[in-house]
Amino acid sequence: MGKSIEKKARIVVRGTVQGVGFRYYIMQKAQEMRLKGYTQNLPNGEVEAVVEGDQLFIEDLYRAMQRGPTKAKVKDHIIEWGEPKGQFRTFSIKR
């Protein structure tokens, strides 16, 4: 198995992603993968997640967010990579 590479990513999904449990879905997946950061609804109807942790787990989270929970309909998604700053202790939902 390869060496863990720590990364930071900002993931945004568009579509029917608010009011369908998307943030809770993200939080559960992120916590299972021991990722740190947060997720929040954006005013334009999108959902954003900012995460730090193992790059492979972030990629797994990104794939999960492309599907979303049962009632979600993801139409578009982006991921932007960066260097982690160690600014998060847990994964949370911002309100």
Protein backbone atom coordinates (compact mmCIF):
# COMPACT_ATOMS: atom_id res chain seq x y z
CA MET A 1 0.00 0.00 0.00
CA GLY A 2 1.24 3.48 -0.88
CA LYS A 3 2.18 6.29 1.43
CA SER A 4 -0.59 8.56 2.66
CA ILE A 5 -0.56 11.99 1.03
CA GLU A 6 -2.28 14.70 3.06
CA LYS A 7 -4.31 17.14 0.97
CA LYS A 8 -7.01 19.78 1.22
CA ALA A 9 -9.93 19.98 -1.18
CA ARG A 10 -12.98 22.12 -1.80
CA ILE A 11 -15.83 20.15 -3.34
CA VAL A 12 -19.02 21.77 -4.63
CA VAL A 13 -22.11 19.96 -5.93
CA ARG A 14 -25.04 21.47 -7.84
CA GLY A 15 -28.52 20.16 -8.53
CA THR A 16 -31.18 19.02 -6.08
CA VAL A 17 -28.76 19.00 -3.16
CA GLN A 18 -30.39 21.12 -0.44
CA GLY A 19 -33.23 19.83 1.73
CA VAL A 20 -32.42 16.18 0.96
CA GLY A 21 -30.00 15.34 3.80
CA PHE A 22 -26.89 15.99 1.72
CA ARG A 23 -24.85 17.68 4.47
CA TYR A 24 -25.56 14.85 6.92
CA TYR A 25 -24.64 12.32 4.21
CA ILE A 26 -21.32 14.12 3.65
CA MET A 27 -20.61 14.37 7.38
CA GLN A 28 -21.22 10.64 7.92
CA LYS A 29 -18.94 9.67 5.00
CA ALA A 30 -16.22 12.16 6.02
CA GLN A 31 -16.23 10.94 9.62
CA GLU A 32 -16.01 7.29 8.47
CA MET A 33 -12.91 8.27 6.46
CA ARG A 34 -11.43 10.34 9.33
CA LEU A 35 -11.48 13.49 7.23
CA LYS A 36 -11.62 16.90 8.88
CA GLY A 37 -13.34 20.07 7.73
CA TYR A 38 -16.91 21.17 7.18
CA THR A 39 -19.87 21.19 4.82
CA GLN A 40 -22.45 23.90 4.28
CA ASN A 41 -25.32 24.99 2.09
CA LEU A 42 -24.44 27.92 -0.15
CA PRO A 43 -26.92 30.76 -0.87
CA ASN A 44 -27.07 29.81 -4.57
CA GLY A 45 -28.46 26.32 -3.81
CA GLU A 46 -25.16 24.43 -3.98
CA VAL A 47 -23.55 22.36 -1.22
CA GLU A 48 -19.87 22.85 -0.41
CA ALA A 49 -17.45 20.65 1.52
CA VAL A 50 -13.97 21.74 2.57
CA VAL A 51 -11.93 18.76 3.72
CA GLU A 52 -8.42 17.86 4.82
CA GLY A 53 -6.95 14.40 5.10
CA ASP A 54 -5.65 11.47 3.09
CA GLN A 55 -5.94 12.20 -0.64
CA LEU A 56 -7.37 8.74 -1.39
CA PHE A 57 -10.14 9.24 1.19
CA ILE A 58 -10.91 12.70 -0.22
CA GLU A 59 -11.23 11.12 -3.67
CA ASP A 60 -13.61 8.51 -2.17
CA LEU A 61 -15.68 11.29 -0.60
CA TYR A 62 -15.76 13.14 -3.93
CA ARG A 63 -17.12 10.03 -5.68
CA ALA A 64 -19.75 9.60 -2.94
CA MET A 65 -20.78 13.26 -3.33
CA GLN A 66 -21.26 12.76 -7.07
CA ARG A 67 -24.04 10.29 -6.16
CA GLY A 68 -25.33 11.81 -2.93
CA PRO A 69 -28.13 10.52 -0.72
CA THR A 70 -31.19 8.83 -2.24
CA LYS A 71 -33.31 11.97 -2.79
CA ALA A 72 -30.48 14.09 -4.22
CA LYS A 73 -29.97 14.69 -7.93
CA VAL A 74 -26.42 15.90 -8.57
CA LYS A 75 -26.15 17.69 -11.91
CA ASP A 76 -22.62 19.06 -11.64
CA HIS A 77 -19.62 18.80 -9.32
CA ILE A 78 -16.14 20.27 -8.99
CA ILE A 79 -13.10 19.61 -6.85
CA GLU A 80 -10.28 22.07 -6.22
CA TRP A 81 -7.09 20.77 -4.60
CA GLY A 82 -4.82 22.60 -2.19
CA GLU A 83 -2.30 22.09 0.56
CA PRO A 84 -3.65 21.26 4.04
CA LYS A 85 -3.15 23.83 6.78
CA GLY A 86 -4.24 21.68 9.74
CA GLN A 87 -6.98 24.16 10.62
CA PHE A 88 -9.70 21.59 11.43
CA ARG A 89 -10.02 19.22 14.40
CA THR A 90 -13.25 17.47 13.40
CA PHE A 91 -15.79 17.40 10.57
CA SER A 92 -18.86 19.55 11.10
CA ILE A 93 -21.90 21.05 9.43
CA LYS A 94 -21.90 24.83 9.20
CA ARG A 95 -25.29 26.46 9.43
